[in-house]
Every structure is written in C-alpha cells, then in structure tokens.
Amino acid sequence: EVIGISESAVKVRIFRALKDLKVNYEKLELVNS
C-alpha cells in the first residue's frame, strides 16, 4: 500500500534485495578479511 505495488511484487523485491544484500555483505567481508 505504501509503495503502490502488489503484495507479490513486494515479496519479489524483498527476496531479490536480501539476495543482493547477502552478496554485497559477503564481498565486503572478503575484502575486510
């Protein structure tokens, strides 16, 4: 409702965002180590 998209689109965005967040985190963790 807030964003103005369907609930299923929210689920897809969150899934993709979490996937990208994990990749970004792992890359940063590798560089840091």
PDB file of all heavy atoms in Angstrom:
ATOM      1  N   GLU A   1       0.827  -1.217   0.000  1.00  0.00           N
ATOM      2  CA  GLU A   1       0.000   0.000   0.000  1.00  0.00           C
ATOM      3  C   GLU A   1       0.852   1.254   0.000  1.00  0.00           C
ATOM      4  O   GLU A   1       0.570   2.200  -0.727  1.00  0.00           O
ATOM      5  CB  GLU A   1      -0.911   0.017   1.236  1.00  0.00           C
ATOM      6  CG  GLU A   1      -2.183  -0.754   1.072  1.00  0.00           C
ATOM      7  CD  GLU A   1      -3.082  -0.569   2.280  1.00  0.00           C
ATOM      8  OE1 GLU A   1      -3.420   0.582   2.621  1.00  0.00           O
ATOM      9  OE2 GLU A   1      -3.448  -1.595   2.879  1.00  0.00           O
ATOM     10  N   VAL A   2       1.908   1.251   0.819  1.00  0.00           N
ATOM     11  CA  VAL A   2       2.779   2.426   0.922  1.00  0.00           C
ATOM     12  C   VAL A   2       3.468   2.707  -0.406  1.00  0.00           C
ATOM     13  O   VAL A   2       3.515   3.838  -0.875  1.00  0.00           O
ATOM     14  CB  VAL A   2       3.827   2.229   2.047  1.00  0.00           C
ATOM     15  CG1 VAL A   2       4.906   3.293   1.975  1.00  0.00           C
ATOM     16  CG2 VAL A   2       3.160   2.248   3.410  1.00  0.00           C
ATOM     17  N   ILE A   3       4.006   1.654  -1.030  1.00  0.00           N
ATOM     18  CA  ILE A   3       4.792   1.832  -2.254  1.00  0.00           C
ATOM     19  C   ILE A   3       3.905   1.917  -3.492  1.00  0.00           C
ATOM     20  O   ILE A   3       4.280   2.509  -4.493  1.00  0.00           O
ATOM     21  CB  ILE A   3       5.829   0.684  -2.389  1.00  0.00           C
ATOM     22  CG1 ILE A   3       6.815   0.762  -1.225  1.00  0.00           C
ATOM     23  CG2 ILE A   3       6.574   0.761  -3.702  1.00  0.00           C
ATOM     24  CD1 ILE A   3       7.838  -0.345  -1.205  1.00  0.00           C
ATOM     25  N   GLY A   4       2.733   1.309  -3.420  1.00  0.00           N
ATOM     26  CA  GLY A   4       1.829   1.345  -4.567  1.00  0.00           C
ATOM     27  C   GLY A   4       2.074   0.226  -5.560  1.00  0.00           C
ATOM     28  O   GLY A   4       1.938   0.426  -6.771  1.00  0.00           O
ATOM     29  N   ILE A   5       2.468  -0.944  -5.050  1.00  0.00           N
ATOM     30  CA  ILE A   5       2.657  -2.116  -5.904  1.00  0.00           C
ATOM     31  C   ILE A   5       1.899  -3.287  -5.268  1.00  0.00           C
ATOM     32  O   ILE A   5       1.383  -3.156  -4.158  1.00  0.00           O
ATOM     33  CB  ILE A   5       4.159  -2.469  -6.076  1.00  0.00           C
ATOM     34  CG1 ILE A   5       4.823  -2.762  -4.724  1.00  0.00           C
ATOM     35  CG2 ILE A   5       4.886  -1.365  -6.819  1.00  0.00           C
ATOM     36  CD1 ILE A   5       6.276  -3.208  -4.832  1.00  0.00           C
ATOM     37  N   SER A   6       1.853  -4.409  -5.958  1.00  0.00           N
ATOM     38  CA  SER A   6       1.127  -5.563  -5.417  1.00  0.00           C
ATOM     39  C   SER A   6       1.942  -6.223  -4.302  1.00  0.00           C
ATOM     40  O   SER A   6       3.158  -6.065  -4.216  1.00  0.00           O
ATOM     41  CB  SER A   6       0.859  -6.583  -6.525  1.00  0.00           C
ATOM     42  OG  SER A   6       2.070  -7.187  -6.937  1.00  0.00           O
ATOM     43  N   GLU A   7       1.235  -6.990  -3.487  1.00  0.00           N
ATOM     44  CA  GLU A   7       1.898  -7.695  -2.394  1.00  0.00           C
ATOM     45  C   GLU A   7       2.907  -8.705  -2.933  1.00  0.00           C
ATOM     46  O   GLU A   7       3.992  -8.871  -2.379  1.00  0.00           O
ATOM     47  CB  GLU A   7       0.848  -8.395  -1.525  1.00  0.00           C
ATOM     48  CG  GLU A   7       1.393  -8.964  -0.252  1.00  0.00           C
ATOM     49  CD  GLU A   7       0.309  -9.512   0.664  1.00  0.00           C
ATOM     50  OE1 GLU A   7      -0.869  -9.157   0.512  1.00  0.00           O
ATOM     51  OE2 GLU A   7       0.665 -10.329   1.543  1.00  0.00           O
ATOM     52  N   SER A   8       2.568  -9.364  -4.031  1.00  0.00           N
ATOM     53  CA  SER A   8       3.505 -10.332  -4.608  1.00  0.00           C
ATOM     54  C   SER A   8       4.749  -9.625  -5.147  1.00  0.00           C
ATOM     55  O   SER A   8       5.863 -10.155  -5.057  1.00  0.00           O
ATOM     56  CB  SER A   8       2.840 -11.170  -5.698  1.00  0.00           C
ATOM     57  OG  SER A   8       2.349 -10.348  -6.725  1.00  0.00           O
ATOM     58  N   ALA A   9       4.598  -8.413  -5.669  1.00  0.00           N
ATOM     59  CA  ALA A   9       5.761  -7.643  -6.129  1.00  0.00           C
ATOM     60  C   ALA A   9       6.657  -7.261  -4.952  1.00  0.00           C
ATOM     61  O   ALA A   9       7.886  -7.240  -5.078  1.00  0.00           O
ATOM     62  CB  ALA A   9       5.317  -6.398  -6.891  1.00  0.00           C
ATOM     63  N   VAL A  10       6.040  -6.984  -3.802  1.00  0.00           N
ATOM     64  CA  VAL A  10       6.820  -6.689  -2.590  1.00  0.00           C
ATOM     65  C   VAL A  10       7.644  -7.908  -2.201  1.00  0.00           C
ATOM     66  O   VAL A  10       8.834  -7.803  -1.896  1.00  0.00           O
ATOM     67  CB  VAL A  10       5.894  -6.264  -1.420  1.00  0.00           C
ATOM     68  CG1 VAL A  10       6.662  -6.215  -0.104  1.00  0.00           C
ATOM     69  CG2 VAL A  10       5.247  -4.925  -1.702  1.00  0.00           C
ATOM     70  N   LYS A  11       7.018  -9.079  -2.225  1.00  0.00           N
ATOM     71  CA  LYS A  11       7.733 -10.313  -1.878  1.00  0.00           C
ATOM     72  C   LYS A  11       8.923 -10.540  -2.801  1.00  0.00           C
ATOM     73  O   LYS A  11      10.012 -10.903  -2.343  1.00  0.00           O
ATOM     74  CB  LYS A  11       6.777 -11.514  -1.946  1.00  0.00           C
ATOM     75  CG  LYS A  11       5.737 -11.516  -0.863  1.00  0.00           C
ATOM     76  CD  LYS A  11       4.779 -12.686  -1.035  1.00  0.00           C
ATOM     77  CE  LYS A  11       3.652 -12.621  -0.030  1.00  0.00           C
ATOM     78  NZ  LYS A  11       2.691 -13.721  -0.205  1.00  0.00           N
ATOM     79  N   VAL A  12       8.719 -10.301  -4.074  1.00  0.00           N
ATOM     80  CA  VAL A  12       9.802 -10.479  -5.048  1.00  0.00           C
ATOM     81  C   VAL A  12      10.925  -9.478  -4.770  1.00  0.00           C
ATOM     82  O   VAL A  12      12.107  -9.834  -4.767  1.00  0.00           O
ATOM     83  CB  VAL A  12       9.276 -10.341  -6.499  1.00  0.00           C
ATOM     84  CG1 VAL A  12      10.412 -10.257  -7.498  1.00  0.00           C
ATOM     85  CG2 VAL A  12       8.342 -11.487  -6.831  1.00  0.00           C
ATOM     86  N   ARG A  13      10.557  -8.223  -4.526  1.00  0.00           N
ATOM     87  CA  ARG A  13      11.576  -7.204  -4.248  1.00  0.00           C
ATOM     88  C   ARG A  13      12.373  -7.543  -3.001  1.00  0.00           C
ATOM     89  O   ARG A  13      13.596  -7.370  -2.964  1.00  0.00           O
ATOM     90  CB  ARG A  13      10.938  -5.817  -4.073  1.00  0.00           C
ATOM     91  CG  ARG A  13      10.689  -5.110  -5.366  1.00  0.00           C
ATOM     92  CD  ARG A  13      10.409  -3.653  -5.128  1.00  0.00           C
ATOM     93  NE  ARG A  13       9.849  -3.064  -6.332  1.00  0.00           N
ATOM     94  CZ  ARG A  13       9.440  -1.820  -6.420  1.00  0.00           C
ATOM     95  NH1 ARG A  13       9.494  -1.020  -5.370  1.00  0.00           N
ATOM     96  NH2 ARG A  13       8.959  -1.350  -7.549  1.00  0.00           N
ATOM     97  N   ILE A  14      11.684  -8.007  -1.960  1.00  0.00           N
ATOM     98  CA  ILE A  14      12.379  -8.341  -0.718  1.00  0.00           C
ATOM     99  C   ILE A  14      13.306  -9.531  -0.943  1.00  0.00           C
ATOM    100  O   ILE A  14      14.457  -9.529  -0.486  1.00  0.00           O
ATOM    101  CB  ILE A  14      11.383  -8.596   0.429  1.00  0.00           C
ATOM    102  CG1 ILE A  14      10.737  -7.259   0.840  1.00  0.00           C
ATOM    103  CG2 ILE A  14      12.064  -9.267   1.625  1.00  0.00           C
ATOM    104  CD1 ILE A  14       9.627  -7.375   1.855  1.00  0.00           C
ATOM    105  N   PHE A  15      12.820 -10.534  -1.646  1.00  0.00           N
ATOM    106  CA  PHE A  15      13.652 -11.699  -1.936  1.00  0.00           C
ATOM    107  C   PHE A  15      14.919 -11.282  -2.686  1.00  0.00           C
ATOM    108  O   PHE A  15      16.034 -11.663  -2.329  1.00  0.00           O
ATOM    109  CB  PHE A  15      12.857 -12.727  -2.751  1.00  0.00           C
ATOM    110  CG  PHE A  15      13.678 -13.891  -3.206  1.00  0.00           C
ATOM    111  CD1 PHE A  15      14.001 -14.919  -2.335  1.00  0.00           C
ATOM    112  CD2 PHE A  15      14.158 -13.955  -4.516  1.00  0.00           C
ATOM    113  CE1 PHE A  15      14.775 -15.991  -2.753  1.00  0.00           C
ATOM    114  CE2 PHE A  15      14.933 -15.020  -4.946  1.00  0.00           C
ATOM    115  CZ  PHE A  15      15.242 -16.045  -4.054  1.00  0.00           C
ATOM    116  N   ARG A  16      14.748 -10.476  -3.730  1.00  0.00           N
ATOM    117  CA  ARG A  16      15.892 -10.031  -4.524  1.00  0.00           C
ATOM    118  C   ARG A  16      16.819  -9.123  -3.719  1.00  0.00           C
ATOM    119  O   ARG A  16      18.044  -9.185  -3.848  1.00  0.00           O
ATOM    120  CB  ARG A  16      15.417  -9.324  -5.783  1.00  0.00           C
ATOM    121  CG  ARG A  16      14.776 -10.279  -6.780  1.00  0.00           C
ATOM    122  CD  ARG A  16      14.271  -9.557  -8.009  1.00  0.00           C
ATOM    123  NE  ARG A  16      13.670 -10.510  -8.943  1.00  0.00           N
ATOM    124  CZ  ARG A  16      12.856 -10.164  -9.923  1.00  0.00           C
ATOM    125  NH1 ARG A  16      12.545  -8.885 -10.122  1.00  0.00           N
ATOM    126  NH2 ARG A  16      12.358 -11.076 -10.723  1.00  0.00           N
ATOM    127  N   ALA A  17      16.217  -8.268  -2.891  1.00  0.00           N
ATOM    128  CA  ALA A  17      17.020  -7.357  -2.072  1.00  0.00           C
ATOM    129  C   ALA A  17      17.850  -8.131  -1.059  1.00  0.00           C
ATOM    130  O   ALA A  17      19.028  -7.830  -0.852  1.00  0.00           O
ATOM    131  CB  ALA A  17      16.111  -6.351  -1.362  1.00  0.00           C
ATOM    132  N   LEU A  18      17.258  -9.149  -0.436  1.00  0.00           N
ATOM    133  CA  LEU A  18      18.006  -9.968   0.522  1.00  0.00           C
ATOM    134  C   LEU A  18      19.139 -10.729  -0.164  1.00  0.00           C
ATOM    135  O   LEU A  18      20.235 -10.859   0.383  1.00  0.00           O
ATOM    136  CB  LEU A  18      17.066 -10.944   1.247  1.00  0.00           C
ATOM    137  CG  LEU A  18      16.162 -10.320   2.304  1.00  0.00           C
ATOM    138  CD1 LEU A  18      15.129 -11.320   2.787  1.00  0.00           C
ATOM    139  CD2 LEU A  18      16.984  -9.776   3.467  1.00  0.00           C
ATOM    140  N   LYS A  19      18.850 -11.212  -1.354  1.00  0.00           N
ATOM    141  CA  LYS A  19      19.861 -11.925  -2.133  1.00  0.00           C
ATOM    142  C   LYS A  19      21.031 -10.987  -2.452  1.00  0.00           C
ATOM    143  O   LYS A  19      22.198 -11.343  -2.253  1.00  0.00           O
ATOM    144  CB  LYS A  19      19.215 -12.451  -3.419  1.00  0.00           C
ATOM    145  CG  LYS A  19      20.076 -13.349  -4.244  1.00  0.00           C
ATOM    146  CD  LYS A  19      19.263 -13.879  -5.428  1.00  0.00           C
ATOM    147  CE  LYS A  19      20.140 -14.355  -6.533  1.00  0.00           C
ATOM    148  NZ  LYS A  19      19.383 -14.695  -7.738  1.00  0.00           N
ATOM    149  N   ASP A  20      20.730  -9.778  -2.918  1.00  0.00           N
ATOM    150  CA  ASP A  20      21.771  -8.794  -3.233  1.00  0.00           C
ATOM    151  C   ASP A  20      22.512  -8.348  -1.972  1.00  0.00           C
ATOM    152  O   ASP A  20      23.726  -8.133  -1.998  1.00  0.00           O
ATOM    153  CB  ASP A  20      21.175  -7.577  -3.940  1.00  0.00           C
ATOM    154  CG  ASP A  20      20.738  -7.874  -5.358  1.00  0.00           C
ATOM    155  OD1 ASP A  20      20.974  -9.003  -5.842  1.00  0.00           O
ATOM    156  OD2 ASP A  20      20.131  -6.982  -5.990  1.00  0.00           O
ATOM    157  N   LEU A  21      21.769  -8.188  -0.878  1.00  0.00           N
ATOM    158  CA  LEU A  21      22.384  -7.789   0.383  1.00  0.00           C
ATOM    159  C   LEU A  21      23.399  -8.838   0.829  1.00  0.00           C
ATOM    160  O   LEU A  21      24.510  -8.502   1.253  1.00  0.00           O
ATOM    161  CB  LEU A  21      21.322  -7.591   1.469  1.00  0.00           C
ATOM    162  CG  LEU A  21      21.822  -7.126   2.831  1.00  0.00           C
ATOM    163  CD1 LEU A  21      22.408  -5.719   2.736  1.00  0.00           C
ATOM    164  CD2 LEU A  21      20.687  -7.150   3.848  1.00  0.00           C
ATOM    165  N   LYS A  22      23.042 -10.098   0.705  1.00  0.00           N
ATOM    166  CA  LYS A  22      23.947 -11.182   1.082  1.00  0.00           C
ATOM    167  C   LYS A  22      25.212 -11.154   0.219  1.00  0.00           C
ATOM    168  O   LYS A  22      26.327 -11.274   0.737  1.00  0.00           O
ATOM    169  CB  LYS A  22      23.246 -12.534   0.933  1.00  0.00           C
ATOM    170  CG  LYS A  22      24.115 -13.699   1.334  1.00  0.00           C
ATOM    171  CD  LYS A  22      23.388 -15.013   1.152  1.00  0.00           C
ATOM    172  CE  LYS A  22      24.321 -16.168   1.527  1.00  0.00           C
ATOM    173  NZ  LYS A  22      23.778 -17.455   1.177  1.00  0.00           N
ATOM    174  N   VAL A  23      25.042 -10.977  -1.092  1.00  0.00           N
ATOM    175  CA  VAL A  23      26.200 -10.910  -1.995  1.00  0.00           C
ATOM    176  C   VAL A  23      27.094  -9.731  -1.618  1.00  0.00           C
ATOM    177  O   VAL A  23      28.320  -9.876  -1.516  1.00  0.00           O
ATOM    178  CB  VAL A  23      25.736 -10.820  -3.470  1.00  0.00           C
ATOM    179  CG1 VAL A  23      26.884 -10.472  -4.396  1.00  0.00           C
ATOM    180  CG2 VAL A  23      25.059 -12.109  -3.897  1.00  0.00           C
ATOM    181  N   ASN A  24      26.482  -8.564  -1.410  1.00  0.00           N
ATOM    182  CA  ASN A  24      27.256  -7.371  -1.037  1.00  0.00           C
ATOM    183  C   ASN A  24      27.996  -7.589   0.281  1.00  0.00           C
ATOM    184  O   ASN A  24      29.169  -7.230   0.416  1.00  0.00           O
ATOM    185  CB  ASN A  24      26.343  -6.149  -0.904  1.00  0.00           C
ATOM    186  CG  ASN A  24      25.818  -5.662  -2.228  1.00  0.00           C
ATOM    187  OD1 ASN A  24      26.334  -6.009  -3.285  1.00  0.00           O
ATOM    188  ND2 ASN A  24      24.769  -4.859  -2.177  1.00  0.00           N
ATOM    189  N   TYR A  25      27.301  -8.170   1.255  1.00  0.00           N
ATOM    190  CA  TYR A  25      27.905  -8.408   2.567  1.00  0.00           C
ATOM    191  C   TYR A  25      29.094  -9.360   2.447  1.00  0.00           C
ATOM    192  O   TYR A  25      30.151  -9.114   3.024  1.00  0.00           O
ATOM    193  CB  TYR A  25      26.859  -8.960   3.540  1.00  0.00           C
ATOM    194  CG  TYR A  25      27.377  -9.117   4.952  1.00  0.00           C
ATOM    195  CD1 TYR A  25      27.324  -8.057   5.852  1.00  0.00           C
ATOM    196  CD2 TYR A  25      27.933 -10.308   5.391  1.00  0.00           C
ATOM    197  CE1 TYR A  25      27.801  -8.186   7.140  1.00  0.00           C
ATOM    198  CE2 TYR A  25      28.420 -10.455   6.676  1.00  0.00           C
ATOM    199  CZ  TYR A  25      28.350  -9.392   7.555  1.00  0.00           C
ATOM    200  OH  TYR A  25      28.830  -9.526   8.831  1.00  0.00           O
ATOM    201  N   GLU A  26      28.910 -10.444   1.701  1.00  0.00           N
ATOM    202  CA  GLU A  26      29.984 -11.421   1.550  1.00  0.00           C
ATOM    203  C   GLU A  26      31.195 -10.816   0.841  1.00  0.00           C
ATOM    204  O   GLU A  26      32.342 -11.117   1.190  1.00  0.00           O
ATOM    205  CB  GLU A  26      29.475 -12.668   0.821  1.00  0.00           C
ATOM    206  CG  GLU A  26      28.547 -13.498   1.685  1.00  0.00           C
ATOM    207  CD  GLU A  26      27.852 -14.632   0.946  1.00  0.00           C
ATOM    208  OE1 GLU A  26      27.909 -14.666  -0.314  1.00  0.00           O
ATOM    209  OE2 GLU A  26      27.250 -15.471   1.624  1.00  0.00           O
ATOM    210  N   LYS A  27      30.960  -9.975  -0.162  1.00  0.00           N
ATOM    211  CA  LYS A  27      32.076  -9.301  -0.843  1.00  0.00           C
ATOM    212  C   LYS A  27      32.825  -8.391   0.117  1.00  0.00           C
ATOM    213  O   LYS A  27      34.063  -8.386   0.144  1.00  0.00           O
ATOM    214  CB  LYS A  27      31.564  -8.481  -2.032  1.00  0.00           C
ATOM    215  CG  LYS A  27      31.173  -9.294  -3.233  1.00  0.00           C
ATOM    216  CD  LYS A  27      30.663  -8.391  -4.346  1.00  0.00           C
ATOM    217  CE  LYS A  27      30.182  -9.186  -5.552  1.00  0.00           C
ATOM    218  NZ  LYS A  27      29.606  -8.307  -6.588  1.00  0.00           N
ATOM    219  N   LEU A  28      32.074  -7.621   0.899  1.00  0.00           N
ATOM    220  CA  LEU A  28      32.708  -6.719   1.863  1.00  0.00           C
ATOM    221  C   LEU A  28      33.456  -7.503   2.937  1.00  0.00           C
ATOM    222  O   LEU A  28      34.541  -7.099   3.362  1.00  0.00           O
ATOM    223  CB  LEU A  28      31.648  -5.813   2.510  1.00  0.00           C
ATOM    224  CG  LEU A  28      31.059  -4.742   1.610  1.00  0.00           C
ATOM    225  CD1 LEU A  28      29.818  -4.131   2.243  1.00  0.00           C
ATOM    226  CD2 LEU A  28      32.088  -3.671   1.302  1.00  0.00           C
ATOM    227  N   GLU A  29      32.886  -8.614   3.351  1.00  0.00           N
ATOM    228  CA  GLU A  29      33.522  -9.458   4.354  1.00  0.00           C
ATOM    229  C   GLU A  29      34.841 -10.025   3.816  1.00  0.00           C
ATOM    230  O   GLU A  29      35.848 -10.058   4.537  1.00  0.00           O
ATOM    231  CB  GLU A  29      32.556 -10.590   4.732  1.00  0.00           C
ATOM    232  CG  GLU A  29      32.831 -11.243   6.056  1.00  0.00           C
ATOM    233  CD  GLU A  29      31.718 -12.207   6.433  1.00  0.00           C
ATOM    234  OE1 GLU A  29      31.173 -12.891   5.537  1.00  0.00           O
ATOM    235  OE2 GLU A  29      31.405 -12.287   7.626  1.00  0.00           O
ATOM    236  N   LEU A  30      34.844 -10.434   2.561  1.00  0.00           N
ATOM    237  CA  LEU A  30      36.045 -10.960   1.931  1.00  0.00           C
ATOM    238  C   LEU A  30      37.135  -9.895   1.841  1.00  0.00           C
ATOM    239  O   LEU A  30      38.290 -10.141   2.194  1.00  0.00           O
ATOM    240  CB  LEU A  30      35.713 -11.501   0.534  1.00  0.00           C
ATOM    241  CG  LEU A  30      36.867 -12.118  -0.240  1.00  0.00           C
ATOM    242  CD1 LEU A  30      37.409 -13.347   0.494  1.00  0.00           C
ATOM    243  CD2 LEU A  30      36.422 -12.500  -1.637  1.00  0.00           C
ATOM    244  N   VAL A  31      36.746  -8.704   1.385  1.00  0.00           N
ATOM    245  CA  VAL A  31      37.711  -7.602   1.291  1.00  0.00           C
ATOM    246  C   VAL A  31      38.246  -7.267   2.679  1.00  0.00           C
ATOM    247  O   VAL A  31      39.451  -7.047   2.850  1.00  0.00           O
ATOM    248  CB  VAL A  31      37.052  -6.356   0.654  1.00  0.00           C
ATOM    249  CG1 VAL A  31      37.924  -5.124   0.786  1.00  0.00           C
ATOM    250  CG2 VAL A  31      36.716  -6.631  -0.804  1.00  0.00           C
ATOM    251  N   ASN A  32      37.376  -7.260   3.663  1.00  0.00           N
ATOM    252  CA  ASN A  32      37.762  -6.934   5.031  1.00  0.00           C
ATOM    253  C   ASN A  32      38.719  -7.979   5.604  1.00  0.00           C
ATOM    254  O   ASN A  32      39.681  -7.643   6.279  1.00  0.00           O
ATOM    255  CB  ASN A  32      36.517  -6.814   5.910  1.00  0.00           C
ATOM    256  CG  ASN A  32      36.753  -5.995   7.159  1.00  0.00           C
ATOM    257  OD1 ASN A  32      37.593  -5.118   7.171  1.00  0.00           O
ATOM    258  ND2 ASN A  32      35.994  -6.294   8.187  1.00  0.00           N
ATOM    259  N   SER A  33      38.465  -9.246   5.319  1.00  0.00           N
ATOM    260  CA  SER A  33      39.318 -10.314   5.838  1.00  0.00           C
ATOM    261  C   SER A  33      40.691 -10.311   5.162  1.00  0.00           C
ATOM    262  O   SER A  33      41.678 -10.721   5.748  1.00  0.00           O
ATOM    263  CB  SER A  33      38.646 -11.674   5.668  1.00  0.00           C
ATOM    264  OG  SER A  33      38.583 -12.047   4.304  1.00  0.00           O
TER     265      SER A  33
END
